């Protein structure tokens, strides 16, 4: 990756749901972070699609970071145990 492609990226931070605590580098679309992302993940060996909506964004050490909240209503159903996620 060249140095100038770094400016065209942001860091997505998943703040809850099945991907809570995960971070991912994503490409800016039209110079902006996405307002909604779909993420595929295996849960108990099954591929599931999870939707996340952007809740805020901020600059951290010159890099854009966007926090995403889980949209359970639009996502594939999954047994998610909050107690196991500590």
PDB file of N, CA and C in Angstrom:
ATOM      1  N   UNK A   1       0.854  -1.182   0.000  1.00  0.00           N
ATOM      2  CA  UNK A   1       0.000   0.000   0.000  1.00  0.00           C
ATOM      3  C   UNK A   1       0.892   1.235   0.000  1.00  0.00           C
ATOM      4  N   UNK A   2       0.620   2.158  -0.873  1.00  0.00           N
ATOM      5  CA  UNK A   2       1.415   3.374  -0.923  1.00  0.00           C
ATOM      6  C   UNK A   2       0.938   4.360   0.142  1.00  0.00           C
ATOM      7  N   UNK A   3       1.757   5.356   0.414  1.00  0.00           N
ATOM      8  CA  UNK A   3       1.447   6.308   1.482  1.00  0.00           C
ATOM      9  C   UNK A   3       0.166   7.085   1.188  1.00  0.00           C
ATOM     10  N   UNK A   4      -0.084   7.411  -0.100  1.00  0.00           N
ATOM     11  CA  UNK A   4      -1.271   8.211  -0.370  1.00  0.00           C
ATOM     12  C   UNK A   4      -2.570   7.423  -0.269  1.00  0.00           C
ATOM     13  N   UNK A   5      -2.539   6.098  -0.288  1.00  0.00           N
ATOM     14  CA  UNK A   5      -3.785   5.352  -0.108  1.00  0.00           C
ATOM     15  C   UNK A   5      -4.225   5.362   1.350  1.00  0.00           C
ATOM     16  N   UNK A   6      -3.309   5.609   2.285  1.00  0.00           N
ATOM     17  CA  UNK A   6      -3.666   5.676   3.698  1.00  0.00           C
ATOM     18  C   UNK A   6      -4.656   6.790   3.978  1.00  0.00           C
ATOM     19  N   UNK A   7      -4.554   7.893   3.237  1.00  0.00           N
ATOM     20  CA  UNK A   7      -5.464   9.021   3.429  1.00  0.00           C
ATOM     21  C   UNK A   7      -6.865   8.688   2.926  1.00  0.00           C
ATOM     22  N   UNK A   8      -7.004   7.655   2.108  1.00  0.00           N
ATOM     23  CA  UNK A   8      -8.306   7.283   1.552  1.00  0.00           C
ATOM     24  C   UNK A   8      -8.961   6.181   2.381  1.00  0.00           C
ATOM     25  N   UNK A   9      -8.461   5.978   3.592  1.00  0.00           N
ATOM     26  CA  UNK A   9      -8.997   4.944   4.464  1.00  0.00           C
ATOM     27  C   UNK A   9      -9.461   5.533   5.784  1.00  0.00           C
ATOM     28  N   UNK A  10     -10.271   4.756   6.486  1.00  0.00           N
ATOM     29  CA  UNK A  10     -10.647   5.086   7.847  1.00  0.00           C
ATOM     30  C   UNK A  10     -10.683   3.804   8.659  1.00  0.00           C
ATOM     31  N   UNK A  11     -10.767   3.948   9.969  1.00  0.00           N
ATOM     32  CA  UNK A  11     -10.855   2.794  10.853  1.00  0.00           C
ATOM     33  C   UNK A  11     -12.286   2.693  11.358  1.00  0.00           C
ATOM     34  N   UNK A  12     -12.906   1.547  11.114  1.00  0.00           N
ATOM     35  CA  UNK A  12     -14.245   1.267  11.625  1.00  0.00           C
ATOM     36  C   UNK A  12     -14.100   0.553  12.956  1.00  0.00           C
ATOM     37  N   UNK A  13     -14.799   1.049  13.964  1.00  0.00           N
ATOM     38  CA  UNK A  13     -14.788   0.458  15.305  1.00  0.00           C
ATOM     39  C   UNK A  13     -16.207  -0.027  15.607  1.00  0.00           C
ATOM     40  N   UNK A  14     -16.338  -1.320  15.876  1.00  0.00           N
ATOM     41  CA  UNK A  14     -17.645  -1.916  16.147  1.00  0.00           C
ATOM     42  C   UNK A  14     -17.853  -1.948  17.658  1.00  0.00           C
ATOM     43  N   UNK A  15     -18.846  -1.178  18.142  1.00  0.00           N
ATOM     44  CA  UNK A  15     -18.962  -0.921  19.582  1.00  0.00           C
ATOM     45  C   UNK A  15     -19.902  -1.871  20.304  1.00  0.00           C
ATOM     46  N   UNK A  16     -20.664  -2.693  19.556  1.00  0.00           N
ATOM     47  CA  UNK A  16     -21.545  -3.646  20.222  1.00  0.00           C
ATOM     48  C   UNK A  16     -21.894  -4.772  19.255  1.00  0.00           C
ATOM     49  N   UNK A  17     -22.773  -5.665  19.675  1.00  0.00           N
ATOM     50  CA  UNK A  17     -23.184  -6.778  18.829  1.00  0.00           C
ATOM     51  C   UNK A  17     -22.102  -7.845  18.718  1.00  0.00           C
ATOM     52  N   UNK A  18     -22.255  -8.738  17.751  1.00  0.00           N
ATOM     53  CA  UNK A  18     -21.327  -9.865  17.613  1.00  0.00           C
ATOM     54  C   UNK A  18     -19.888  -9.456  17.319  1.00  0.00           C
ATOM     55  N   UNK A  19     -19.678  -8.286  16.738  1.00  0.00           N
ATOM     56  CA  UNK A  19     -18.322  -7.836  16.403  1.00  0.00           C
ATOM     57  C   UNK A  19     -17.781  -6.817  17.399  1.00  0.00           C
ATOM     58  N   UNK A  20     -18.390  -6.725  18.559  1.00  0.00           N
ATOM     59  CA  UNK A  20     -17.978  -5.743  19.572  1.00  0.00           C
ATOM     60  C   UNK A  20     -16.476  -5.832  19.830  1.00  0.00           C
ATOM     61  N   UNK A  21     -15.829  -4.664  19.811  1.00  0.00           N
ATOM     62  CA  UNK A  21     -14.399  -4.588  20.089  1.00  0.00           C
ATOM     63  C   UNK A  21     -13.509  -4.799  18.875  1.00  0.00           C
ATOM     64  N   UNK A  22     -14.107  -5.120  17.723  1.00  0.00           N
ATOM     65  CA  UNK A  22     -13.339  -5.330  16.491  1.00  0.00           C
ATOM     66  C   UNK A  22     -13.073  -3.985  15.810  1.00  0.00           C
ATOM     67  N   UNK A  23     -11.946  -3.924  15.105  1.00  0.00           N
ATOM     68  CA  UNK A  23     -11.573  -2.759  14.303  1.00  0.00           C
ATOM     69  C   UNK A  23     -11.265  -3.236  12.895  1.00  0.00           C
ATOM     70  N   UNK A  24     -11.563  -2.402  11.898  1.00  0.00           N
ATOM     71  CA  UNK A  24     -11.255  -2.768  10.519  1.00  0.00           C
ATOM     72  C   UNK A  24     -10.902  -1.520   9.737  1.00  0.00           C
ATOM     73  N   UNK A  25      -9.852  -1.605   8.923  1.00  0.00           N
ATOM     74  CA  UNK A  25      -9.518  -0.510   8.005  1.00  0.00           C
ATOM     75  C   UNK A  25     -10.425  -0.634   6.799  1.00  0.00           C
ATOM     76  N   UNK A  26     -11.095   0.457   6.446  1.00  0.00           N
ATOM     77  CA  UNK A  26     -12.027   0.467   5.316  1.00  0.00           C
ATOM     78  C   UNK A  26     -11.686   1.647   4.411  1.00  0.00           C
ATOM     79  N   UNK A  27     -12.088   1.550   3.157  1.00  0.00           N
ATOM     80  CA  UNK A  27     -11.811   2.582   2.167  1.00  0.00           C
ATOM     81  C   UNK A  27     -12.923   3.628   2.192  1.00  0.00           C
ATOM     82  N   UNK A  28     -12.529   4.897   2.129  1.00  0.00           N
ATOM     83  CA  UNK A  28     -13.502   5.980   2.023  1.00  0.00           C
ATOM     84  C   UNK A  28     -14.219   5.885   0.683  1.00  0.00           C
ATOM     85  N   UNK A  29     -15.505   6.134   0.677  1.00  0.00           N
ATOM     86  CA  UNK A  29     -16.306   6.096  -0.545  1.00  0.00           C
ATOM     87  C   UNK A  29     -16.693   7.532  -0.886  1.00  0.00           C
ATOM     88  N   UNK A  30     -16.199   8.021  -1.998  1.00  0.00           N
ATOM     89  CA  UNK A  30     -16.464   9.415  -2.364  1.00  0.00           C
ATOM     90  C   UNK A  30     -15.876  10.381  -1.347  1.00  0.00           C
ATOM     91  N   UNK A  31     -14.772   9.988  -0.712  1.00  0.00           N
ATOM     92  CA  UNK A  31     -14.105  10.836   0.272  1.00  0.00           C
ATOM     93  C   UNK A  31     -14.734  10.805   1.651  1.00  0.00           C
ATOM     94  N   UNK A  32     -15.736   9.948   1.852  1.00  0.00           N
ATOM     95  CA  UNK A  32     -16.434   9.891   3.136  1.00  0.00           C
ATOM     96  C   UNK A  32     -16.507   8.453   3.640  1.00  0.00           C
ATOM     97  N   UNK A  33     -16.658   8.344   4.950  1.00  0.00           N
ATOM     98  CA  UNK A  33     -16.887   7.030   5.559  1.00  0.00           C
ATOM     99  C   UNK A  33     -18.318   6.597   5.280  1.00  0.00           C
ATOM    100  N   UNK A  34     -18.528   5.296   5.190  1.00  0.00           N
ATOM    101  CA  UNK A  34     -19.876   4.773   4.974  1.00  0.00           C
ATOM    102  C   UNK A  34     -20.742   5.043   6.200  1.00  0.00           C
ATOM    103  N   UNK A  35     -22.041   5.215   5.966  1.00  0.00           N
ATOM    104  CA  UNK A  35     -22.962   5.420   7.087  1.00  0.00           C
ATOM    105  C   UNK A  35     -23.525   4.081   7.558  1.00  0.00           C
ATOM    106  N   UNK A  36     -23.370   3.036   6.727  1.00  0.00           N
ATOM    107  CA  UNK A  36     -23.895   1.708   7.063  1.00  0.00           C
ATOM    108  C   UNK A  36     -23.005   0.672   6.395  1.00  0.00           C
ATOM    109  N   UNK A  37     -22.618  -0.358   7.152  1.00  0.00           N
ATOM    110  CA  UNK A  37     -21.790  -1.419   6.587  1.00  0.00           C
ATOM    111  C   UNK A  37     -22.390  -2.784   6.923  1.00  0.00           C
ATOM    112  N   UNK A  38     -22.251  -3.694   5.993  1.00  0.00           N
ATOM    113  CA  UNK A  38     -22.635  -5.082   6.207  1.00  0.00           C
ATOM    114  C   UNK A  38     -21.373  -5.904   6.397  1.00  0.00           C
ATOM    115  N   UNK A  39     -21.340  -6.695   7.449  1.00  0.00           N
ATOM    116  CA  UNK A  39     -20.153  -7.487   7.775  1.00  0.00           C
ATOM    117  C   UNK A  39     -20.525  -8.970   7.825  1.00  0.00           C
ATOM    118  N   UNK A  40     -19.759  -9.794   7.137  1.00  0.00           N
ATOM    119  CA  UNK A  40     -19.945 -11.244   7.204  1.00  0.00           C
ATOM    120  C   UNK A  40     -19.041 -11.770   8.319  1.00  0.00           C
ATOM    121  N   UNK A  41     -19.576 -12.683   9.114  1.00  0.00           N
ATOM    122  CA  UNK A  41     -18.786 -13.291  10.185  1.00  0.00           C
ATOM    123  C   UNK A  41     -19.351 -14.674  10.473  1.00  0.00           C
ATOM    124  N   UNK A  42     -18.468 -15.568  10.886  1.00  0.00           N
ATOM    125  CA  UNK A  42     -18.900 -16.912  11.272  1.00  0.00           C
ATOM    126  C   UNK A  42     -19.220 -16.915  12.760  1.00  0.00           C
ATOM    127  N   UNK A  43     -20.429 -17.352  13.095  1.00  0.00           N
ATOM    128  CA  UNK A  43     -20.845 -17.475  14.486  1.00  0.00           C
ATOM    129  C   UNK A  43     -21.279 -18.915  14.682  1.00  0.00           C
ATOM    130  N   UNK A  44     -20.609 -19.608  15.595  1.00  0.00           N
ATOM    131  CA  UNK A  44     -20.875 -21.038  15.819  1.00  0.00           C
ATOM    132  C   UNK A  44     -20.791 -21.817  14.511  1.00  0.00           C
ATOM    133  N   UNK A  45     -19.832 -21.441  13.642  1.00  0.00           N
ATOM    134  CA  UNK A  45     -19.594 -22.156  12.402  1.00  0.00           C
ATOM    135  C   UNK A  45     -20.515 -21.789  11.256  1.00  0.00           C
ATOM    136  N   UNK A  46     -21.449 -20.865  11.457  1.00  0.00           N
ATOM    137  CA  UNK A  46     -22.376 -20.443  10.406  1.00  0.00           C
ATOM    138  C   UNK A  46     -22.061 -19.028   9.954  1.00  0.00           C
ATOM    139  N   UNK A  47     -21.992 -18.822   8.635  1.00  0.00           N
ATOM    140  CA  UNK A  47     -21.783 -17.478   8.102  1.00  0.00           C
ATOM    141  C   UNK A  47     -23.043 -16.644   8.313  1.00  0.00           C
ATOM    142  N   UNK A  48     -22.874 -15.460   8.848  1.00  0.00           N
ATOM    143  CA  UNK A  48     -24.007 -14.574   9.111  1.00  0.00           C
ATOM    144  C   UNK A  48     -23.670 -13.172   8.617  1.00  0.00           C
ATOM    145  N   UNK A  49     -24.702 -12.436   8.198  1.00  0.00           N
ATOM    146  CA  UNK A  49     -24.538 -11.055   7.765  1.00  0.00           C
ATOM    147  C   UNK A  49     -25.031 -10.138   8.871  1.00  0.00           C
ATOM    148  N   UNK A  50     -24.158  -9.234   9.310  1.00  0.00           N
ATOM    149  CA  UNK A  50     -24.488  -8.290  10.368  1.00  0.00           C
ATOM    150  C   UNK A  50     -24.414  -6.873   9.811  1.00  0.00           C
ATOM    151  N   UNK A  51     -25.440  -6.085  10.081  1.00  0.00           N
ATOM    152  CA  UNK A  51     -25.474  -4.688   9.639  1.00  0.00           C
ATOM    153  C   UNK A  51     -25.129  -3.773  10.811  1.00  0.00           C
ATOM    154  N   UNK A  52     -24.329  -2.772  10.509  1.00  0.00           N
ATOM    155  CA  UNK A  52     -23.896  -1.779  11.493  1.00  0.00           C
ATOM    156  C   UNK A  52     -24.112  -0.383  10.922  1.00  0.00           C
ATOM    157  N   UNK A  53     -24.567   0.542  11.779  1.00  0.00           N
ATOM    158  CA  UNK A  53     -24.796   1.932  11.397  1.00  0.00           C
ATOM    159  C   UNK A  53     -23.802   2.840  12.110  1.00  0.00           C
ATOM    160  N   UNK A  54     -23.275   3.829  11.379  1.00  0.00           N
ATOM    161  CA  UNK A  54     -22.335   4.788  11.956  1.00  0.00           C
ATOM    162  C   UNK A  54     -23.053   5.643  12.997  1.00  0.00           C
ATOM    163  N   UNK A  55     -22.393   5.853  14.140  1.00  0.00           N
ATOM    164  CA  UNK A  55     -22.984   6.702  15.177  1.00  0.00           C
ATOM    165  C   UNK A  55     -22.184   7.981  15.386  1.00  0.00           C
ATOM    166  N   UNK A  56     -20.885   7.951  15.147  1.00  0.00           N
ATOM    167  CA  UNK A  56     -20.083   9.167  15.222  1.00  0.00           C
ATOM    168  C   UNK A  56     -18.735   8.925  14.574  1.00  0.00           C
ATOM    169  N   UNK A  57     -18.021  10.025  14.340  1.00  0.00           N
ATOM    170  CA  UNK A  57     -16.668   9.919  13.798  1.00  0.00           C
ATOM    171  C   UNK A  57     -15.795  10.980  14.432  1.00  0.00           C
ATOM    172  N   UNK A  58     -14.499  10.678  14.467  1.00  0.00           N
ATOM    173  CA  UNK A  58     -13.541  11.594  15.082  1.00  0.00           C
ATOM    174  C   UNK A  58     -12.158  11.343  14.483  1.00  0.00           C
ATOM    175  N   UNK A  59     -11.285  12.305  14.662  1.00  0.00           N
ATOM    176  CA  UNK A  59      -9.898  12.169  14.224  1.00  0.00           C
ATOM    177  C   UNK A  59      -9.062  11.680  15.404  1.00  0.00           C
ATOM    178  N   UNK A  60      -8.266  10.643  15.192  1.00  0.00           N
ATOM    179  CA  UNK A  60      -7.344  10.134  16.211  1.00  0.00           C
ATOM    180  C   UNK A  60      -5.969  10.059  15.568  1.00  0.00           C
ATOM    181  N   UNK A  61      -5.037  10.866  16.050  1.00  0.00           N
ATOM    182  CA  UNK A  61      -3.682  10.928  15.487  1.00  0.00           C
ATOM    183  C   UNK A  61      -3.711  11.099  13.973  1.00  0.00           C
ATOM    184  N   UNK A  62      -4.591  11.977  13.483  1.00  0.00           N
ATOM    185  CA  UNK A  62      -4.672  12.283  12.065  1.00  0.00           C
ATOM    186  C   UNK A  62      -5.408  11.252  11.227  1.00  0.00           C
ATOM    187  N   UNK A  63      -5.987  10.250  11.862  1.00  0.00           N
ATOM    188  CA  UNK A  63      -6.719   9.215  11.127  1.00  0.00           C
ATOM    189  C   UNK A  63      -8.199   9.251  11.511  1.00  0.00           C
ATOM    190  N   UNK A  64      -9.064   9.145  10.507  1.00  0.00           N
ATOM    191  CA  UNK A  64     -10.496   9.143  10.758  1.00  0.00           C
ATOM    192  C   UNK A  64     -10.906   7.812  11.383  1.00  0.00           C
ATOM    193  N   UNK A  65     -11.645   7.882  12.490  1.00  0.00           N
ATOM    194  CA  UNK A  65     -12.207   6.695  13.138  1.00  0.00           C
ATOM    195  C   UNK A  65     -13.710   6.869  13.231  1.00  0.00           C
ATOM    196  N   UNK A  66     -14.445   5.826  12.839  1.00  0.00           N
ATOM    197  CA  UNK A  66     -15.902   5.870  12.836  1.00  0.00           C
ATOM    198  C   UNK A  66     -16.405   4.729  13.708  1.00  0.00           C
ATOM    199  N   UNK A  67     -17.293   5.066  14.647  1.00  0.00           N
ATOM    200  CA  UNK A  67     -17.886   4.034  15.512  1.00  0.00           C
ATOM    201  C   UNK A  67     -19.199   3.568  14.911  1.00  0.00           C
ATOM    202  N   UNK A  68     -19.406   2.244  14.911  1.00  0.00           N
ATOM    203  CA  UNK A  68     -20.600   1.640  14.336  1.00  0.00           C
ATOM    204  C   UNK A  68     -21.363   0.865  15.397  1.00  0.00           C
ATOM    205  N   UNK A  69     -22.689   0.999  15.370  1.00  0.00           N
ATOM    206  CA  UNK A  69     -23.598   0.307  16.292  1.00  0.00           C
ATOM    207  C   UNK A  69     -24.334  -0.799  15.544  1.00  0.00           C
ATOM    208  N   UNK A  70     -24.508  -1.947  16.192  1.00  0.00           N
ATOM    209  CA  UNK A  70     -25.153  -3.128  15.629  1.00  0.00           C
ATOM    210  C   UNK A  70     -26.643  -2.885  15.377  1.00  0.00           C
ATOM    211  N   UNK A  71     -27.132  -3.271  14.200  1.00  0.00           N
ATOM    212  CA  UNK A  71     -28.554  -3.186  13.857  1.00  0.00           C
ATOM    213  C   UNK A  71     -29.115  -4.610  13.859  1.00  0.00           C
ATOM    214  N   UNK A  72     -29.595  -5.055  14.999  1.00  0.00           N
ATOM    215  CA  UNK A  72     -30.069  -6.436  15.164  1.00  0.00           C
ATOM    216  C   UNK A  72     -31.290  -6.727  14.301  1.00  0.00           C
ATOM    217  N   UNK A  73     -32.150  -5.739  14.088  1.00  0.00           N
ATOM    218  CA  UNK A  73     -33.381  -5.959  13.324  1.00  0.00           C
ATOM    219  C   UNK A  73     -33.104  -6.336  11.867  1.00  0.00           C
ATOM    220  N   UNK A  74     -32.073  -5.747  11.260  1.00  0.00           N
ATOM    221  CA  UNK A  74     -31.763  -6.015   9.857  1.00  0.00           C
ATOM    222  C   UNK A  74     -30.727  -7.123   9.671  1.00  0.00           C
ATOM    223  N   UNK A  75     -30.102  -7.564  10.744  1.00  0.00           N
ATOM    224  CA  UNK A  75     -29.041  -8.567  10.661  1.00  0.00           C
ATOM    225  C   UNK A  75     -29.607  -9.980  10.743  1.00  0.00           C
ATOM    226  N   UNK A  76     -28.804 -10.946  10.301  1.00  0.00           N
ATOM    227  CA  UNK A  76     -29.190 -12.345  10.470  1.00  0.00           C
ATOM    228  C   UNK A  76     -29.357 -12.628  11.957  1.00  0.00           C
ATOM    229  N   UNK A  77     -30.319 -13.474  12.316  1.00  0.00           N
ATOM    230  CA  UNK A  77     -30.503 -13.787  13.735  1.00  0.00           C
ATOM    231  C   UNK A  77     -29.307 -14.550  14.277  1.00  0.00           C
ATOM    232  N   UNK A  78     -28.945 -14.229  15.504  1.00  0.00           N
ATOM    233  CA  UNK A  78     -27.815 -14.913  16.140  1.00  0.00           C
ATOM    234  C   UNK A  78     -28.058 -14.912  17.642  1.00  0.00           C
ATOM    235  N   UNK A  79     -27.686 -15.999  18.260  1.00  0.00           N
ATOM    236  CA  UNK A  79     -27.734 -16.060  19.722  1.00  0.00           C
ATOM    237  C   UNK A  79     -26.508 -15.328  20.218  1.00  0.00           C
ATOM    238  N   UNK A  80     -26.696 -14.154  20.774  1.00  0.00           N
ATOM    239  CA  UNK A  80     -25.579 -13.352  21.250  1.00  0.00           C
ATOM    240  C   UNK A  80     -25.705 -13.169  22.741  1.00  0.00           C
ATOM    241  N   UNK A  81     -24.760 -13.731  23.479  1.00  0.00           N
ATOM    242  CA  UNK A  81     -24.796 -13.720  24.942  1.00  0.00           C
ATOM    243  C   UNK A  81     -23.892 -12.609  25.453  1.00  0.00           C
ATOM    244  N   UNK A  82     -24.494 -11.534  25.956  1.00  0.00           N
ATOM    245  CA  UNK A  82     -23.724 -10.400  26.480  1.00  0.00           C
ATOM    246  C   UNK A  82     -22.778 -10.832  27.600  1.00  0.00           C
ATOM    247  N   UNK A  83     -23.171 -11.821  28.411  1.00  0.00           N
ATOM    248  CA  UNK A  83     -22.355 -12.254  29.542  1.00  0.00           C
ATOM    249  C   UNK A  83     -21.045 -12.899  29.090  1.00  0.00           C
ATOM    250  N   UNK A  84     -21.040 -13.527  27.912  1.00  0.00           N
ATOM    251  CA  UNK A  84     -19.821 -14.173  27.398  1.00  0.00           C
ATOM    252  C   UNK A  84     -18.880 -13.185  26.755  1.00  0.00           C
ATOM    253  N   UNK A  85     -19.258 -11.936  26.662  1.00  0.00           N
ATOM    254  CA  UNK A  85     -18.483 -10.958  25.917  1.00  0.00           C
ATOM    255  C   UNK A  85     -17.703 -10.003  26.805  1.00  0.00           C
ATOM    256  N   UNK A  86     -17.445 -10.373  28.026  1.00  0.00           N
ATOM    257  CA  UNK A  86     -16.691  -9.494  28.945  1.00  0.00           C
ATOM    258  C   UNK A  86     -15.206  -9.678  28.775  1.00  0.00           C
TER     259      UNK A  86
END
